[in-house]
ModelCIF file with pLDDT and N, C-alpha, C, O atoms, coordinates in Angstrom:
data_MODEL
#
_entry.id   MODEL 
#
_entity.id                         1 
_entity.type                       polymer 
_entity.pdbx_number_of_molecules   1 
#
_entity_poly.entity_id                      1 
_entity_poly.type                           'polypeptide(L)' 
_entity_poly.nstd_linkage                   no 
_entity_poly.nstd_monomer                   no 
_entity_poly.pdbx_seq_one_letter_code       DVRRVLDGVPVHPIRAEFRFDAVSPMVVSMTFTPWRGRGVTWR 
_entity_poly.pdbx_seq_one_letter_code_can   DVRRVLDGVPVHPIRAEFRFDAVSPMVVSMTFTPWRGRGVTWR 
_entity_poly.pdbx_strand_id                 A 
#
loop_
_entity_poly_seq.entity_id 
_entity_poly_seq.num 
_entity_poly_seq.mon_id 
_entity_poly_seq.hetero 
1 1  ASP n 
1 2  VAL n 
1 3  ARG n 
1 4  ARG n 
1 5  VAL n 
1 6  LEU n 
1 7  ASP n 
1 8  GLY n 
1 9  VAL n 
1 10 PRO n 
1 11 VAL n 
1 12 HIS n 
1 13 PRO n 
1 14 ILE n 
1 15 ARG n 
1 16 ALA n 
1 17 GLU n 
1 18 PHE n 
1 19 ARG n 
1 20 PHE n 
1 21 ASP n 
1 22 ALA n 
1 23 VAL n 
1 24 SER n 
1 25 PRO n 
1 26 MET n 
1 27 VAL n 
1 28 VAL n 
1 29 SER n 
1 30 MET n 
1 31 THR n 
1 32 PHE n 
1 33 THR n 
1 34 PRO n 
1 35 TRP n 
1 36 ARG n 
1 37 GLY n 
1 38 ARG n 
1 39 GLY n 
1 40 VAL n 
1 41 THR n 
1 42 TRP n 
1 43 ARG n 
#
_struct_asym.id          A 
_struct_asym.entity_id   1 
#
loop_
_ma_qa_metric.id 
_ma_qa_metric.mode 
_ma_qa_metric.name 
_ma_qa_metric.software_group_id 
_ma_qa_metric.type 
1 global pLDDT . pLDDT 
2 local  pLDDT . pLDDT 
#
_ma_qa_metric_global.metric_id      1 
_ma_qa_metric_global.metric_value   90.47 
_ma_qa_metric_global.model_id       1 
_ma_qa_metric_global.ordinal_id     1 
#
loop_
_ma_qa_metric_local.label_asym_id 
_ma_qa_metric_local.label_comp_id 
_ma_qa_metric_local.label_seq_id 
_ma_qa_metric_local.metric_id 
_ma_qa_metric_local.metric_value 
_ma_qa_metric_local.model_id 
_ma_qa_metric_local.ordinal_id 
A ASP 1  2 93.00 1 1  
A VAL 2  2 94.00 1 2  
A ARG 3  2 92.00 1 3  
A ARG 4  2 91.00 1 4  
A VAL 5  2 92.00 1 5  
A LEU 6  2 89.00 1 6  
A ASP 7  2 85.00 1 7  
A GLY 8  2 82.00 1 8  
A VAL 9  2 83.00 1 9  
A PRO 10 2 78.00 1 10 
A VAL 11 2 85.00 1 11 
A HIS 12 2 82.00 1 12 
A PRO 13 2 90.00 1 13 
A ILE 14 2 93.00 1 14 
A ARG 15 2 95.00 1 15 
A ALA 16 2 96.00 1 16 
A GLU 17 2 96.00 1 17 
A PHE 18 2 97.00 1 18 
A ARG 19 2 96.00 1 19 
A PHE 20 2 94.00 1 20 
A ASP 21 2 91.00 1 21 
A ALA 22 2 88.00 1 22 
A VAL 23 2 86.00 1 23 
A SER 24 2 87.00 1 24 
A PRO 25 2 90.00 1 25 
A MET 26 2 91.00 1 26 
A VAL 27 2 92.00 1 27 
A VAL 28 2 95.00 1 28 
A SER 29 2 95.00 1 29 
A MET 30 2 96.00 1 30 
A THR 31 2 96.00 1 31 
A PHE 32 2 95.00 1 32 
A THR 33 2 94.00 1 33 
A PRO 34 2 88.00 1 34 
A TRP 35 2 82.00 1 35 
A ARG 36 2 83.00 1 36 
A GLY 37 2 82.00 1 37 
A ARG 38 2 89.00 1 38 
A GLY 39 2 90.00 1 39 
A VAL 40 2 92.00 1 40 
A THR 41 2 95.00 1 41 
A TRP 42 2 95.00 1 42 
A ARG 43 2 95.00 1 43 
#
loop_
_atom_site.group_PDB 
_atom_site.id 
_atom_site.type_symbol 
_atom_site.label_atom_id 
_atom_site.label_alt_id 
_atom_site.label_comp_id 
_atom_site.label_asym_id 
_atom_site.label_entity_id 
_atom_site.label_seq_id 
_atom_site.pdbx_PDB_ins_code 
_atom_site.Cartn_x 
_atom_site.Cartn_y 
_atom_site.Cartn_z 
_atom_site.occupancy 
_atom_site.B_iso_or_equiv 
_atom_site.pdbx_formal_charge 
_atom_site.auth_seq_id 
_atom_site.auth_comp_id 
_atom_site.auth_asym_id 
_atom_site.auth_atom_id 
_atom_site.pdbx_PDB_model_num 
ATOM 1   N N  . ASP A 1 1  ? -2.591  2.198   -8.320 1.00 93.00 ? 1  ASP A N  1 
ATOM 2   C CA . ASP A 1 1  ? -3.896  2.075   -7.705 1.00 93.00 ? 1  ASP A CA 1 
ATOM 3   C C  . ASP A 1 1  ? -4.145  0.581   -7.614 1.00 93.00 ? 1  ASP A C  1 
ATOM 4   O O  . ASP A 1 1  ? -4.312  -0.093  -8.630 1.00 93.00 ? 1  ASP A O  1 
ATOM 5   N N  . VAL A 1 2  ? -4.169  0.061   -6.375 1.00 94.00 ? 2  VAL A N  1 
ATOM 6   C CA . VAL A 1 2  ? -4.444  -1.353  -6.151 1.00 94.00 ? 2  VAL A CA 1 
ATOM 7   C C  . VAL A 1 2  ? -5.850  -1.458  -5.580 1.00 94.00 ? 2  VAL A C  1 
ATOM 8   O O  . VAL A 1 2  ? -6.483  -0.447  -5.278 1.00 94.00 ? 2  VAL A O  1 
ATOM 9   N N  . ARG A 1 3  ? -6.331  -2.679  -5.436 1.00 92.00 ? 3  ARG A N  1 
ATOM 10  C CA . ARG A 1 3  ? -7.676  -2.847  -4.882 1.00 92.00 ? 3  ARG A CA 1 
ATOM 11  C C  . ARG A 1 3  ? -7.622  -3.681  -3.612 1.00 92.00 ? 3  ARG A C  1 
ATOM 12  O O  . ARG A 1 3  ? -6.892  -4.669  -3.526 1.00 92.00 ? 3  ARG A O  1 
ATOM 13  N N  . ARG A 1 4  ? -8.410  -3.262  -2.631 1.00 91.00 ? 4  ARG A N  1 
ATOM 14  C CA . ARG A 1 4  ? -8.562  -4.041  -1.416 1.00 91.00 ? 4  ARG A CA 1 
ATOM 15  C C  . ARG A 1 4  ? -9.559  -5.156  -1.693 1.00 91.00 ? 4  ARG A C  1 
ATOM 16  O O  . ARG A 1 4  ? -10.580 -4.940  -2.347 1.00 91.00 ? 4  ARG A O  1 
ATOM 17  N N  . VAL A 1 5  ? -9.264  -6.331  -1.201 1.00 92.00 ? 5  VAL A N  1 
ATOM 18  C CA . VAL A 1 5  ? -10.092 -7.506  -1.425 1.00 92.00 ? 5  VAL A CA 1 
ATOM 19  C C  . VAL A 1 5  ? -10.995 -7.701  -0.212 1.00 92.00 ? 5  VAL A C  1 
ATOM 20  O O  . VAL A 1 5  ? -10.525 -7.783  0.922  1.00 92.00 ? 5  VAL A O  1 
ATOM 21  N N  . LEU A 1 6  ? -12.301 -7.774  -0.472 1.00 89.00 ? 6  LEU A N  1 
ATOM 22  C CA . LEU A 1 6  ? -13.279 -8.057  0.584  1.00 89.00 ? 6  LEU A CA 1 
ATOM 23  C C  . LEU A 1 6  ? -14.104 -9.260  0.166  1.00 89.00 ? 6  LEU A C  1 
ATOM 24  O O  . LEU A 1 6  ? -14.640 -9.300  -0.942 1.00 89.00 ? 6  LEU A O  1 
ATOM 25  N N  . ASP A 1 7  ? -14.204 -10.232 1.047  1.00 85.00 ? 7  ASP A N  1 
ATOM 26  C CA . ASP A 1 7  ? -14.956 -11.463 0.768  1.00 85.00 ? 7  ASP A CA 1 
ATOM 27  C C  . ASP A 1 7  ? -14.521 -12.113 -0.544 1.00 85.00 ? 7  ASP A C  1 
ATOM 28  O O  . ASP A 1 7  ? -15.349 -12.626 -1.297 1.00 85.00 ? 7  ASP A O  1 
ATOM 29  N N  . GLY A 1 8  ? -13.223 -12.086 -0.808 1.00 82.00 ? 8  GLY A N  1 
ATOM 30  C CA . GLY A 1 8  ? -12.687 -12.734 -1.994 1.00 82.00 ? 8  GLY A CA 1 
ATOM 31  C C  . GLY A 1 8  ? -12.864 -11.972 -3.286 1.00 82.00 ? 8  GLY A C  1 
ATOM 32  O O  . GLY A 1 8  ? -12.568 -12.498 -4.359 1.00 82.00 ? 8  GLY A O  1 
ATOM 33  N N  . VAL A 1 9  ? -13.347 -10.730 -3.203 1.00 83.00 ? 9  VAL A N  1 
ATOM 34  C CA . VAL A 1 9  ? -13.584 -9.936  -4.409 1.00 83.00 ? 9  VAL A CA 1 
ATOM 35  C C  . VAL A 1 9  ? -12.832 -8.614  -4.290 1.00 83.00 ? 9  VAL A C  1 
ATOM 36  O O  . VAL A 1 9  ? -13.043 -7.876  -3.328 1.00 83.00 ? 9  VAL A O  1 
ATOM 37  N N  . PRO A 1 10 ? -11.942 -8.294  -5.267 1.00 78.00 ? 10 PRO A N  1 
ATOM 38  C CA . PRO A 1 10 ? -11.234 -7.017  -5.226 1.00 78.00 ? 10 PRO A CA 1 
ATOM 39  C C  . PRO A 1 10 ? -12.202 -5.871  -5.545 1.00 78.00 ? 10 PRO A C  1 
ATOM 40  O O  . PRO A 1 10 ? -12.769 -5.819  -6.637 1.00 78.00 ? 10 PRO A O  1 
ATOM 41  N N  . VAL A 1 11 ? -12.389 -4.954  -4.586 1.00 85.00 ? 11 VAL A N  1 
ATOM 42  C CA . VAL A 1 11 ? -13.398 -3.928  -4.788 1.00 85.00 ? 11 VAL A CA 1 
ATOM 43  C C  . VAL A 1 11 ? -12.910 -2.504  -4.539 1.00 85.00 ? 11 VAL A C  1 
ATOM 44  O O  . VAL A 1 11 ? -13.076 -1.649  -5.409 1.00 85.00 ? 11 VAL A O  1 
ATOM 45  N N  . HIS A 1 12 ? -12.334 -2.231  -3.421 1.00 82.00 ? 12 HIS A N  1 
ATOM 46  C CA . HIS A 1 12 ? -12.027 -0.852  -3.040 1.00 82.00 ? 12 HIS A CA 1 
ATOM 47  C C  . HIS A 1 12 ? -10.670 -0.408  -3.565 1.00 82.00 ? 12 HIS A C  1 
ATOM 48  O O  . HIS A 1 12 ? -9.649  -0.989  -3.199 1.00 82.00 ? 12 HIS A O  1 
ATOM 49  N N  . PRO A 1 13 ? -10.640 0.628   -4.431 1.00 90.00 ? 13 PRO A N  1 
ATOM 50  C CA . PRO A 1 13 ? -9.343  1.128   -4.908 1.00 90.00 ? 13 PRO A CA 1 
ATOM 51  C C  . PRO A 1 13 ? -8.598  1.859   -3.787 1.00 90.00 ? 13 PRO A C  1 
ATOM 52  O O  . PRO A 1 13 ? -9.189  2.602   -3.004 1.00 90.00 ? 13 PRO A O  1 
ATOM 53  N N  . ILE A 1 14 ? -7.301  1.628   -3.736 1.00 93.00 ? 14 ILE A N  1 
ATOM 54  C CA . ILE A 1 14 ? -6.423  2.224   -2.741 1.00 93.00 ? 14 ILE A CA 1 
ATOM 55  C C  . ILE A 1 14 ? -5.157  2.658   -3.459 1.00 93.00 ? 14 ILE A C  1 
ATOM 56  O O  . ILE A 1 14 ? -4.650  1.932   -4.315 1.00 93.00 ? 14 ILE A O  1 
ATOM 57  N N  . ARG A 1 15 ? -4.647  3.816   -3.126 1.00 95.00 ? 15 ARG A N  1 
ATOM 58  C CA . ARG A 1 15 ? -3.388  4.293   -3.687 1.00 95.00 ? 15 ARG A CA 1 
ATOM 59  C C  . ARG A 1 15 ? -2.245  3.615   -2.939 1.00 95.00 ? 15 ARG A C  1 
ATOM 60  O O  . ARG A 1 15 ? -2.230  3.615   -1.708 1.00 95.00 ? 15 ARG A O  1 
ATOM 61  N N  . ALA A 1 16 ? -1.301  3.047   -3.655 1.00 96.00 ? 16 ALA A N  1 
ATOM 62  C CA . ALA A 1 16 ? -0.154  2.380   -3.035 1.00 96.00 ? 16 ALA A CA 1 
ATOM 63  C C  . ALA A 1 16 ? 1.144   2.952   -3.595 1.00 96.00 ? 16 ALA A C  1 
ATOM 64  O O  . ALA A 1 16 ? 1.307   3.094   -4.807 1.00 96.00 ? 16 ALA A O  1 
ATOM 65  N N  . GLU A 1 17 ? 2.060   3.277   -2.693 1.00 96.00 ? 17 GLU A N  1 
ATOM 66  C CA . GLU A 1 17 ? 3.407   3.702   -3.082 1.00 96.00 ? 17 GLU A CA 1 
ATOM 67  C C  . GLU A 1 17 ? 4.396   2.707   -2.510 1.00 96.00 ? 17 GLU A C  1 
ATOM 68  O O  . GLU A 1 17 ? 4.416   2.459   -1.305 1.00 96.00 ? 17 GLU A O  1 
ATOM 69  N N  . PHE A 1 18 ? 5.215   2.142   -3.379 1.00 97.00 ? 18 PHE A N  1 
ATOM 70  C CA . PHE A 1 18 ? 6.240   1.196   -2.985 1.00 97.00 ? 18 PHE A CA 1 
ATOM 71  C C  . PHE A 1 18 ? 7.575   1.931   -3.041 1.00 97.00 ? 18 PHE A C  1 
ATOM 72  O O  . PHE A 1 18 ? 7.918   2.538   -4.056 1.00 97.00 ? 18 PHE A O  1 
ATOM 73  N N  . ARG A 1 19 ? 8.325   1.871   -1.941 1.00 96.00 ? 19 ARG A N  1 
ATOM 74  C CA . ARG A 1 19 ? 9.616   2.555   -1.868 1.00 96.00 ? 19 ARG A CA 1 
ATOM 75  C C  . ARG A 1 19 ? 10.716  1.583   -1.477 1.00 96.00 ? 19 ARG A C  1 
ATOM 76  O O  . ARG A 1 19 ? 10.490  0.608   -0.761 1.00 96.00 ? 19 ARG A O  1 
ATOM 77  N N  . PHE A 1 20 ? 11.898  1.875   -1.963 1.00 94.00 ? 20 PHE A N  1 
ATOM 78  C CA . PHE A 1 20 ? 13.077  1.078   -1.677 1.00 94.00 ? 20 PHE A CA 1 
ATOM 79  C C  . PHE A 1 20 ? 14.201  2.008   -1.269 1.00 94.00 ? 20 PHE A C  1 
ATOM 80  O O  . PHE A 1 20 ? 14.408  3.056   -1.881 1.00 94.00 ? 20 PHE A O  1 
ATOM 81  N N  . ASP A 1 21 ? 14.930  1.617   -0.225 1.00 91.00 ? 21 ASP A N  1 
ATOM 82  C CA . ASP A 1 21 ? 16.076  2.381   0.238  1.00 91.00 ? 21 ASP A CA 1 
ATOM 83  C C  . ASP A 1 21 ? 17.275  1.448   0.261  1.00 91.00 ? 21 ASP A C  1 
ATOM 84  O O  . ASP A 1 21 ? 17.262  0.440   0.967  1.00 91.00 ? 21 ASP A O  1 
ATOM 85  N N  . ALA A 1 22 ? 18.305  1.771   -0.499 1.00 88.00 ? 22 ALA A N  1 
ATOM 86  C CA . ALA A 1 22 ? 19.481  0.915   -0.597 1.00 88.00 ? 22 ALA A CA 1 
ATOM 87  C C  . ALA A 1 22 ? 20.203  0.762   0.736  1.00 88.00 ? 22 ALA A C  1 
ATOM 88  O O  . ALA A 1 22 ? 20.999  -0.163  0.899  1.00 88.00 ? 22 ALA A O  1 
ATOM 89  N N  . VAL A 1 23 ? 19.942  1.646   1.684  1.00 86.00 ? 23 VAL A N  1 
ATOM 90  C CA . VAL A 1 23 ? 20.545  1.532   3.010  1.00 86.00 ? 23 VAL A CA 1 
ATOM 91  C C  . VAL A 1 23 ? 19.963  0.336   3.759  1.00 86.00 ? 23 VAL A C  1 
ATOM 92  O O  . VAL A 1 23 ? 20.658  -0.293  4.557  1.00 86.00 ? 23 VAL A O  1 
ATOM 93  N N  . SER A 1 24 ? 18.698  0.020   3.508  1.00 87.00 ? 24 SER A N  1 
ATOM 94  C CA . SER A 1 24 ? 18.021  -1.144  4.104  1.00 87.00 ? 24 SER A CA 1 
ATOM 95  C C  . SER A 1 24 ? 17.450  -2.008  2.987  1.00 87.00 ? 24 SER A C  1 
ATOM 96  O O  . SER A 1 24 ? 16.232  -2.064  2.814  1.00 87.00 ? 24 SER A O  1 
ATOM 97  N N  . PRO A 1 25 ? 18.302  -2.677  2.233  1.00 90.00 ? 25 PRO A N  1 
ATOM 98  C CA . PRO A 1 25 ? 17.833  -3.343  1.014  1.00 90.00 ? 25 PRO A CA 1 
ATOM 99  C C  . PRO A 1 25 ? 16.953  -4.565  1.222  1.00 90.00 ? 25 PRO A C  1 
ATOM 100 O O  . PRO A 1 25 ? 16.299  -5.013  0.280  1.00 90.00 ? 25 PRO A O  1 
ATOM 101 N N  . MET A 1 26 ? 16.919  -5.109  2.412  1.00 91.00 ? 26 MET A N  1 
ATOM 102 C CA . MET A 1 26 ? 16.089  -6.288  2.643  1.00 91.00 ? 26 MET A CA 1 
ATOM 103 C C  . MET A 1 26 ? 14.620  -5.939  2.796  1.00 91.00 ? 26 MET A C  1 
ATOM 104 O O  . MET A 1 26 ? 13.768  -6.827  2.816  1.00 91.00 ? 26 MET A O  1 
ATOM 105 N N  . VAL A 1 27 ? 14.315  -4.640  2.903  1.00 92.00 ? 27 VAL A N  1 
ATOM 106 C CA . VAL A 1 27 ? 12.973  -4.190  3.235  1.00 92.00 ? 27 VAL A CA 1 
ATOM 107 C C  . VAL A 1 27 ? 12.452  -3.243  2.160  1.00 92.00 ? 27 VAL A C  1 
ATOM 108 O O  . VAL A 1 27 ? 13.195  -2.418  1.627  1.00 92.00 ? 27 VAL A O  1 
ATOM 109 N N  . VAL A 1 28 ? 11.166  -3.374  1.851  1.00 95.00 ? 28 VAL A N  1 
ATOM 110 C CA . VAL A 1 28 ? 10.483  -2.378  1.028  1.00 95.00 ? 28 VAL A CA 1 
ATOM 111 C C  . VAL A 1 28 ? 9.375   -1.756  1.881  1.00 95.00 ? 28 VAL A C  1 
ATOM 112 O O  . VAL A 1 28 ? 8.779   -2.419  2.729  1.00 95.00 ? 28 VAL A O  1 
ATOM 113 N N  . SER A 1 29 ? 9.118   -0.489  1.640  1.00 95.00 ? 29 SER A N  1 
ATOM 114 C CA . SER A 1 29 ? 8.038   0.215   2.337  1.00 95.00 ? 29 SER A CA 1 
ATOM 115 C C  . SER A 1 29 ? 6.885   0.382   1.378  1.00 95.00 ? 29 SER A C  1 
ATOM 116 O O  . SER A 1 29 ? 7.065   0.716   0.207  1.00 95.00 ? 29 SER A O  1 
ATOM 117 N N  . MET A 1 30 ? 5.693   0.142   1.901  1.00 96.00 ? 30 MET A N  1 
ATOM 118 C CA . MET A 1 30 ? 4.483   0.317   1.104  1.00 96.00 ? 30 MET A CA 1 
ATOM 119 C C  . MET A 1 30 ? 3.541   1.211   1.890  1.00 96.00 ? 30 MET A C  1 
ATOM 120 O O  . MET A 1 30 ? 3.194   0.909   3.032  1.00 96.00 ? 30 MET A O  1 
ATOM 121 N N  . THR A 1 31 ? 3.130   2.314   1.275  1.00 96.00 ? 31 THR A N  1 
ATOM 122 C CA . THR A 1 31 ? 2.155   3.190   1.906  1.00 96.00 ? 31 THR A CA 1 
ATOM 123 C C  . THR A 1 31 ? 0.848   3.054   1.155  1.00 96.00 ? 31 THR A C  1 
ATOM 124 O O  . THR A 1 31 ? 0.777   3.309   -0.047 1.00 96.00 ? 31 THR A O  1 
ATOM 125 N N  . PHE A 1 32 ? -0.184  2.648   1.875  1.00 95.00 ? 32 PHE A N  1 
ATOM 126 C CA . PHE A 1 32 ? -1.516  2.480   1.310  1.00 95.00 ? 32 PHE A CA 1 
ATOM 127 C C  . PHE A 1 32 ? -2.364  3.656   1.772  1.00 95.00 ? 32 PHE A C  1 
ATOM 128 O O  . PHE A 1 32 ? -2.516  3.884   2.972  1.00 95.00 ? 32 PHE A O  1 
ATOM 129 N N  . THR A 1 33 ? -2.919  4.407   0.814  1.00 94.00 ? 33 THR A N  1 
ATOM 130 C CA . THR A 1 33 ? -3.713  5.580   1.137  1.00 94.00 ? 33 THR A CA 1 
ATOM 131 C C  . THR A 1 33 ? -5.087  5.466   0.482  1.00 94.00 ? 33 THR A C  1 
ATOM 132 O O  . THR A 1 33 ? -5.190  5.467   -0.744 1.00 94.00 ? 33 THR A O  1 
ATOM 133 N N  . PRO A 1 34 ? -6.138  5.368   1.290  1.00 88.00 ? 34 PRO A N  1 
ATOM 134 C CA . PRO A 1 34 ? -7.486  5.332   0.705  1.00 88.00 ? 34 PRO A CA 1 
ATOM 135 C C  . PRO A 1 34 ? -7.806  6.704   0.109  1.00 88.00 ? 34 PRO A C  1 
ATOM 136 O O  . PRO A 1 34 ? -7.127  7.691   0.392  1.00 88.00 ? 34 PRO A O  1 
ATOM 137 N N  . TRP A 1 35 ? -8.837  6.749   -0.710 1.00 82.00 ? 35 TRP A N  1 
ATOM 138 C CA . TRP A 1 35 ? -9.187  8.006   -1.373 1.00 82.00 ? 35 TRP A CA 1 
ATOM 139 C C  . TRP A 1 35 ? -9.557  9.075   -0.357 1.00 82.00 ? 35 TRP A C  1 
ATOM 140 O O  . TRP A 1 35 ? -9.345  10.264  -0.598 1.00 82.00 ? 35 TRP A O  1 
ATOM 141 N N  . ARG A 1 36 ? -10.101 8.664   0.765  1.00 83.00 ? 36 ARG A N  1 
ATOM 142 C CA . ARG A 1 36 ? -10.373 9.598   1.854  1.00 83.00 ? 36 ARG A CA 1 
ATOM 143 C C  . ARG A 1 36 ? -9.735  9.026   3.099  1.00 83.00 ? 36 ARG A C  1 
ATOM 144 O O  . ARG A 1 36 ? -10.064 7.914   3.512  1.00 83.00 ? 36 ARG A O  1 
ATOM 145 N N  . GLY A 1 37 ? -8.841  9.759   3.690  1.00 82.00 ? 37 GLY A N  1 
ATOM 146 C CA . GLY A 1 37 ? -8.216  9.275   4.917  1.00 82.00 ? 37 GLY A CA 1 
ATOM 147 C C  . GLY A 1 37 ? -6.709  9.299   4.855  1.00 82.00 ? 37 GLY A C  1 
ATOM 148 O O  . GLY A 1 37 ? -6.102  9.684   3.856  1.00 82.00 ? 37 GLY A O  1 
ATOM 149 N N  . ARG A 1 38 ? -6.132  8.875   5.952  1.00 89.00 ? 38 ARG A N  1 
ATOM 150 C CA . ARG A 1 38 ? -4.693  8.873   6.081  1.00 89.00 ? 38 ARG A CA 1 
ATOM 151 C C  . ARG A 1 38 ? -4.107  7.557   5.595  1.00 89.00 ? 38 ARG A C  1 
ATOM 152 O O  . ARG A 1 38 ? -4.760  6.514   5.624  1.00 89.00 ? 38 ARG A O  1 
ATOM 153 N N  . GLY A 1 39 ? -2.867  7.632   5.151  1.00 90.00 ? 39 GLY A N  1 
ATOM 154 C CA . GLY A 1 39 ? -2.182  6.443   4.683  1.00 90.00 ? 39 GLY A CA 1 
ATOM 155 C C  . GLY A 1 39 ? -1.563  5.655   5.821  1.00 90.00 ? 39 GLY A C  1 
ATOM 156 O O  . GLY A 1 39 ? -1.330  6.180   6.910  1.00 90.00 ? 39 GLY A O  1 
ATOM 157 N N  . VAL A 1 40 ? -1.304  4.398   5.552  1.00 92.00 ? 40 VAL A N  1 
ATOM 158 C CA . VAL A 1 40 ? -0.647  3.498   6.490  1.00 92.00 ? 40 VAL A CA 1 
ATOM 159 C C  . VAL A 1 40 ? 0.564   2.917   5.779  1.00 92.00 ? 40 VAL A C  1 
ATOM 160 O O  . VAL A 1 40 ? 0.466   2.458   4.641  1.00 92.00 ? 40 VAL A O  1 
ATOM 161 N N  . THR A 1 41 ? 1.709   2.939   6.456  1.00 95.00 ? 41 THR A N  1 
ATOM 162 C CA . THR A 1 41 ? 2.933   2.408   5.867  1.00 95.00 ? 41 THR A CA 1 
ATOM 163 C C  . THR A 1 41 ? 3.296   1.085   6.524  1.00 95.00 ? 41 THR A C  1 
ATOM 164 O O  . THR A 1 41 ? 3.315   0.961   7.748  1.00 95.00 ? 41 THR A O  1 
ATOM 165 N N  . TRP A 1 42 ? 3.581   0.108   5.684  1.00 95.00 ? 42 TRP A N  1 
ATOM 166 C CA . TRP A 1 42 ? 4.064   -1.196  6.128  1.00 95.00 ? 42 TRP A CA 1 
ATOM 167 C C  . TRP A 1 42 ? 5.457   -1.394  5.550  1.00 95.00 ? 42 TRP A C  1 
ATOM 168 O O  . TRP A 1 42 ? 5.738   -0.974  4.427  1.00 95.00 ? 42 TRP A O  1 
ATOM 169 N N  . ARG A 1 43 ? 6.315   -2.028  6.313  1.00 95.00 ? 43 ARG A N  1 
ATOM 170 C CA . ARG A 1 43 ? 7.643   -2.399  5.846  1.00 95.00 ? 43 ARG A CA 1 
ATOM 171 C C  . ARG A 1 43 ? 7.722   -3.920  5.885  1.00 95.00 ? 43 ARG A C  1 
ATOM 172 O O  . ARG A 1 43 ? 8.753   -4.494  5.536  1.00 95.00 ? 43 ARG A O  1 
#
């Protein structure tokens, strides 16, 4: 559970999953899912 920072203050908790795939080792995937709503994945 990480926090989103707004105006320099960490406030909103967000669920984060960090994934690693040895097939693409230079990249990690992070899925951020708010308590209500859909998640967004960044690589």
